């Protein structure tokens, strides 16, 4: 039997488990980040500093830091144990919709309404690359499991893949008519050869090398798919929709062979 964790005033925009599964971090439109004990449900800490509503929050891979983004256009890095603000990263010129750690915890990738993606070196606290190519708001950007690539999606209805070590764009995908509207989230599978994109009414699996959709799954519910996560073994995709969460388990991709035209 589950239980509710209450404390935020207004919408909760993001929540994540700590790597050891003992804590939950959440953020919301009340401009606060809150740290919770998962076992008891007790609130451990409130972190304040952002303005204009938080958009994302994430633990570092080792669980010692928290990174957060906000419509105020600033990335903040916090110490988990003390709650002390360690760094403020300010180089975007509009709202930041999402920020994520690289797998080794040394870098961040941020996506912004200023149409750019930022790659940040955490140690020096500086942006090392600004990725330009999208023509509209970048909704999500995330690293591949080996940290070598970044995949992004935008309101311009394209998905792009970038070299994380050079900042160069290496592939561009035009989202198909199957996904009506915009792509809201995109991620690599663990093999780094397949990307998964969720949109208004379904999810698509793309073969990175062939640049073709190898599987499309329509939503069970006629509600916009807002975000997703993929299990560590790659067999389950969790999709968040309005009022429901959909789980697609043990995905088996089509074996049909595609050839480049």
Protein backbone atom coordinates (compact mmCIF):
# COMPACT_ATOMS: atom_id res chain seq x y z
CA UNK A 1 0.00 0.00 0.00
CA UNK A 2 1.44 3.35 -0.99
CA UNK A 3 1.23 6.69 0.78
CA UNK A 4 1.23 10.33 -0.19
CA UNK A 5 4.06 12.73 0.59
CA UNK A 6 2.70 16.21 1.16
CA UNK A 7 4.48 19.50 1.68
CA UNK A 8 4.63 21.47 -1.56
CA UNK A 9 2.23 24.33 -2.20
CA UNK A 10 1.05 24.06 -5.78
CA UNK A 11 2.09 21.65 -8.51
CA UNK A 12 5.00 19.24 -8.03
CA UNK A 13 6.91 19.37 -11.30
CA UNK A 14 9.53 16.64 -10.76
CA UNK A 15 10.59 13.96 -8.28
CA UNK A 16 13.37 11.36 -8.21
CA UNK A 17 14.71 8.57 -6.00
CA UNK A 18 18.25 8.76 -4.66
CA UNK A 19 20.65 6.14 -6.07
CA UNK A 20 20.49 4.12 -2.82
CA UNK A 21 16.68 4.26 -2.79
CA UNK A 22 16.47 5.83 0.68
CA UNK A 23 15.54 9.39 -0.26
CA UNK A 24 13.23 11.23 -2.64
CA UNK A 25 13.89 14.73 -3.93
CA UNK A 26 11.09 16.84 -5.37
CA UNK A 27 10.58 20.34 -6.76
CA UNK A 28 7.57 22.44 -7.54
CA UNK A 29 5.94 25.66 -8.58
CA UNK A 30 6.31 26.93 -5.00
CA UNK A 31 10.02 27.60 -5.77
CA UNK A 32 11.23 24.96 -3.29
CA UNK A 33 13.19 21.71 -3.45
CA UNK A 34 12.29 19.20 -0.76
CA UNK A 35 14.17 16.15 0.44
CA UNK A 36 12.19 13.27 1.93
CA UNK A 37 12.90 10.06 3.83
CA UNK A 38 11.29 7.37 1.68
CA UNK A 39 10.68 4.90 4.51
CA UNK A 40 8.94 7.33 6.87
CA UNK A 41 7.70 9.93 4.40
CA UNK A 42 9.13 12.68 6.61
CA UNK A 43 10.40 15.90 5.12
CA UNK A 44 14.13 16.24 5.85
CA UNK A 45 15.05 19.51 4.23
CA UNK A 46 13.73 22.45 2.19
CA UNK A 47 16.07 24.14 -0.28
CA UNK A 48 15.26 27.66 -1.42
CA UNK A 49 16.88 29.98 -3.93
CA UNK A 50 15.06 29.62 -7.25
CA UNK A 51 12.35 31.96 -8.51
CA UNK A 52 9.64 31.55 -11.13
CA UNK A 53 8.94 27.85 -10.53
CA UNK A 54 11.28 24.87 -10.65
CA UNK A 55 11.23 22.60 -13.69
CA UNK A 56 13.52 19.67 -12.81
CA UNK A 57 15.65 18.16 -10.05
CA UNK A 58 18.05 15.20 -10.04
CA UNK A 59 20.50 13.38 -7.76
CA UNK A 60 24.08 12.97 -8.94
CA UNK A 61 25.01 9.34 -9.78
CA UNK A 62 26.76 8.87 -6.43
CA UNK A 63 23.91 10.60 -4.56
CA UNK A 64 25.96 13.36 -2.89
CA UNK A 65 24.68 16.32 -4.94
CA UNK A 66 21.37 17.60 -6.27
CA UNK A 67 21.03 19.68 -9.43
CA UNK A 68 17.98 21.81 -10.14
CA UNK A 69 16.65 23.99 -12.96
CA UNK A 70 14.02 26.69 -13.08
CA UNK A 71 12.18 29.16 -15.25
CA UNK A 72 14.53 31.76 -13.76
CA UNK A 73 17.18 30.49 -16.21
CA UNK A 74 19.62 29.37 -13.50
CA UNK A 75 21.04 25.94 -12.66
CA UNK A 76 21.84 25.33 -9.01
CA UNK A 77 23.92 22.52 -7.46
CA UNK A 78 23.31 21.59 -3.82
CA UNK A 79 25.01 19.42 -1.21
CA UNK A 80 22.64 16.63 -0.14
CA UNK A 81 23.86 16.30 3.44
CA UNK A 82 23.99 19.98 4.38
CA UNK A 83 21.58 21.56 1.89
CA UNK A 84 24.21 24.20 1.12
CA UNK A 85 24.10 25.81 -2.34
CA UNK A 86 27.45 24.97 -3.95
CA UNK A 87 27.21 26.51 -7.42
CA UNK A 88 25.02 28.73 -9.58
CA UNK A 89 25.36 28.32 -13.35
CA UNK A 90 24.05 31.27 -15.36
CA UNK A 91 24.50 31.30 -19.12
CA UNK A 92 21.03 30.60 -20.54
CA UNK A 93 18.91 33.57 -21.59
CA UNK A 94 15.48 32.02 -20.98
CA UNK A 95 13.78 29.35 -18.88
CA UNK A 96 15.59 26.04 -18.39
CA UNK A 97 13.21 23.14 -18.83
CA UNK A 98 15.48 20.31 -17.72
CA UNK A 99 18.97 19.53 -16.44
CA UNK A 100 20.65 16.13 -16.02
CA UNK A 101 23.98 14.70 -14.87
CA UNK A 102 26.27 12.74 -17.15
CA UNK A 103 26.71 9.08 -16.17
CA UNK A 104 30.10 9.81 -14.55
CA UNK A 105 28.70 12.81 -12.66
CA UNK A 106 31.29 15.21 -14.07
CA UNK A 107 29.06 17.12 -16.50
CA UNK A 108 25.54 18.49 -16.85
CA UNK A 109 23.33 18.90 -19.89
CA UNK A 110 20.60 21.55 -19.87
CA UNK A 111 17.74 22.27 -22.27
CA UNK A 112 16.25 25.73 -22.58
CA UNK A 113 13.53 27.87 -24.07
CA UNK A 114 16.34 29.97 -25.59
CA UNK A 115 16.58 27.14 -28.23
CA UNK A 116 20.01 25.97 -27.03
CA UNK A 117 21.48 23.07 -25.07
CA UNK A 118 24.29 23.59 -22.59
CA UNK A 119 27.04 21.17 -21.60
CA UNK A 120 28.60 22.17 -18.28
CA UNK A 121 31.79 21.12 -16.52
CA UNK A 122 30.74 20.83 -12.87
CA UNK A 123 34.23 21.08 -11.38
CA UNK A 124 35.01 24.46 -12.94
CA UNK A 125 31.38 25.60 -12.95
CA UNK A 126 31.43 26.71 -16.58
CA UNK A 127 29.57 25.95 -19.78
CA UNK A 128 31.95 24.18 -22.14
CA UNK A 129 29.64 23.92 -25.17
CA UNK A 130 26.48 25.64 -26.38
CA UNK A 131 24.67 23.35 -28.81
CA UNK A 132 22.77 25.28 -31.47
CA UNK A 133 20.51 23.87 -34.17
CA UNK A 134 17.00 23.65 -32.83
CA UNK A 135 14.65 26.38 -34.03
CA UNK A 136 12.43 26.47 -30.97
CA UNK A 137 12.28 25.54 -27.26
CA UNK A 138 14.42 22.51 -26.38
CA UNK A 139 12.23 20.39 -24.14
CA UNK A 140 14.65 17.68 -23.10
CA UNK A 141 18.29 16.67 -23.54
CA UNK A 142 19.96 13.62 -22.02
CA UNK A 143 23.22 11.67 -22.20
CA UNK A 144 23.70 8.20 -23.60
CA UNK A 145 24.67 5.54 -21.06
CA UNK A 146 28.35 5.83 -22.03
CA UNK A 147 28.27 9.65 -21.84
CA UNK A 148 29.54 10.08 -25.40
CA UNK A 149 26.33 11.37 -26.98
CA UNK A 150 23.38 13.62 -26.20
CA UNK A 151 19.88 13.29 -27.64
CA UNK A 152 17.46 16.22 -27.61
CA UNK A 153 13.89 17.05 -28.63
CA UNK A 154 12.31 20.39 -29.36
CA UNK A 155 9.09 22.22 -30.15
CA UNK A 156 10.48 22.45 -33.70
CA UNK A 157 9.42 18.77 -34.09
CA UNK A 158 12.94 17.46 -34.54
CA UNK A 159 15.10 15.08 -32.54
CA UNK A 160 18.85 15.64 -32.73
CA UNK A 161 21.92 13.68 -31.63
CA UNK A 162 25.10 15.48 -30.61
CA UNK A 163 28.67 14.49 -29.87
CA UNK A 164 29.04 15.31 -26.17
CA UNK A 165 32.83 15.62 -26.48
CA UNK A 166 32.85 18.13 -29.35
CA UNK A 167 29.39 19.72 -29.17
CA UNK A 168 28.75 18.97 -32.85
CA UNK A 169 25.41 17.81 -34.23
CA UNK A 170 25.74 14.38 -35.83
CA UNK A 171 22.15 13.38 -36.67
CA UNK A 172 18.71 14.91 -37.13
CA UNK A 173 15.33 13.14 -37.12
CA UNK A 174 12.04 14.63 -38.26
CA UNK A 175 9.29 13.26 -36.01
CA UNK A 176 6.71 11.37 -38.02
CA UNK A 177 2.97 11.98 -38.36
CA UNK A 178 2.28 9.12 -35.94
CA UNK A 179 3.24 11.39 -33.03
CA UNK A 180 0.81 14.26 -33.32
CA UNK A 181 2.07 17.54 -31.95
CA UNK A 182 5.43 17.88 -30.27
CA UNK A 183 7.88 15.37 -28.80
CA UNK A 184 7.96 15.93 -25.04
CA UNK A 185 10.76 13.58 -23.98
CA UNK A 186 13.51 11.54 -25.62
CA UNK A 187 16.13 9.12 -24.28
CA UNK A 188 18.68 6.55 -25.39
CA UNK A 189 18.23 2.89 -24.58
CA UNK A 190 21.23 1.37 -22.80
CA UNK A 191 22.73 0.18 -26.12
CA UNK A 192 23.05 3.82 -27.31
CA UNK A 193 21.85 2.57 -30.72
CA UNK A 194 18.14 3.11 -30.12
CA UNK A 195 16.29 6.21 -28.97
CA UNK A 196 12.79 6.39 -27.52
CA UNK A 197 10.61 9.45 -28.03
CA UNK A 198 7.22 10.17 -26.48
CA UNK A 199 4.76 12.65 -27.90
CA UNK A 200 1.13 13.60 -27.72
CA UNK A 201 -0.33 10.19 -28.43
CA UNK A 202 2.37 7.53 -28.53
CA UNK A 203 6.02 6.51 -28.36
CA UNK A 204 8.48 5.83 -31.13
CA UNK A 205 11.64 3.72 -31.19
CA UNK A 206 14.29 4.96 -33.64
CA UNK A 207 17.29 3.11 -35.01
CA UNK A 208 20.09 5.65 -34.66
CA UNK A 209 22.25 4.37 -37.54
CA UNK A 210 19.44 3.86 -40.05
CA UNK A 211 17.45 6.92 -38.94
CA UNK A 212 14.13 5.07 -39.19
CA UNK A 213 11.28 4.34 -36.81
CA UNK A 214 11.46 0.64 -35.96
CA UNK A 215 8.44 0.56 -33.66
CA UNK A 216 5.49 2.77 -32.78
CA UNK A 217 3.17 2.20 -29.84
CA UNK A 218 -0.01 4.20 -29.48
CA UNK A 219 -1.10 5.40 -26.07
CA UNK A 220 -3.83 3.42 -24.30
CA UNK A 221 -5.28 6.71 -23.16
CA UNK A 222 -6.06 9.71 -25.30
CA UNK A 223 -3.97 12.04 -23.18
CA UNK A 224 -0.72 13.80 -23.91
CA UNK A 225 2.41 11.88 -22.94
CA UNK A 226 4.45 14.33 -20.89
CA UNK A 227 7.60 12.47 -19.86
CA UNK A 228 9.19 9.08 -19.42
CA UNK A 229 11.86 6.97 -17.83
CA UNK A 230 13.45 3.69 -18.85
CA UNK A 231 14.36 0.85 -16.50
CA UNK A 232 18.04 -0.01 -16.14
CA UNK A 233 17.61 -3.26 -18.09
CA UNK A 234 15.84 -1.42 -20.93
CA UNK A 235 12.80 -3.69 -20.78
CA UNK A 236 10.26 -1.27 -19.31
CA UNK A 237 9.31 2.24 -20.33
CA UNK A 238 7.25 4.31 -17.88
CA UNK A 239 5.23 7.15 -19.42
CA UNK A 240 3.59 9.95 -17.45
CA UNK A 241 0.29 11.26 -18.80
CA UNK A 242 -2.45 13.46 -17.44
CA UNK A 243 -3.83 11.55 -14.42
CA UNK A 244 -2.25 8.19 -15.34
CA UNK A 245 1.11 6.43 -15.64
CA UNK A 246 1.51 3.88 -18.42
CA UNK A 247 4.01 1.03 -18.23
CA UNK A 248 5.21 -0.73 -21.36
CA UNK A 249 7.00 -3.89 -20.24
CA UNK A 250 9.53 -6.12 -22.00
CA UNK A 251 9.58 -4.19 -25.23
CA UNK A 252 10.40 -6.38 -28.22
CA UNK A 253 11.49 -4.32 -31.18
CA UNK A 254 10.55 -5.34 -34.68
CA UNK A 255 13.12 -7.51 -36.42
CA UNK A 256 12.24 -6.22 -39.89
CA UNK A 257 15.38 -5.07 -41.70
CA UNK A 258 15.46 -1.53 -43.04
CA UNK A 259 17.76 -0.31 -45.75
CA UNK A 260 18.85 3.24 -46.38
CA UNK A 261 17.35 4.70 -49.50
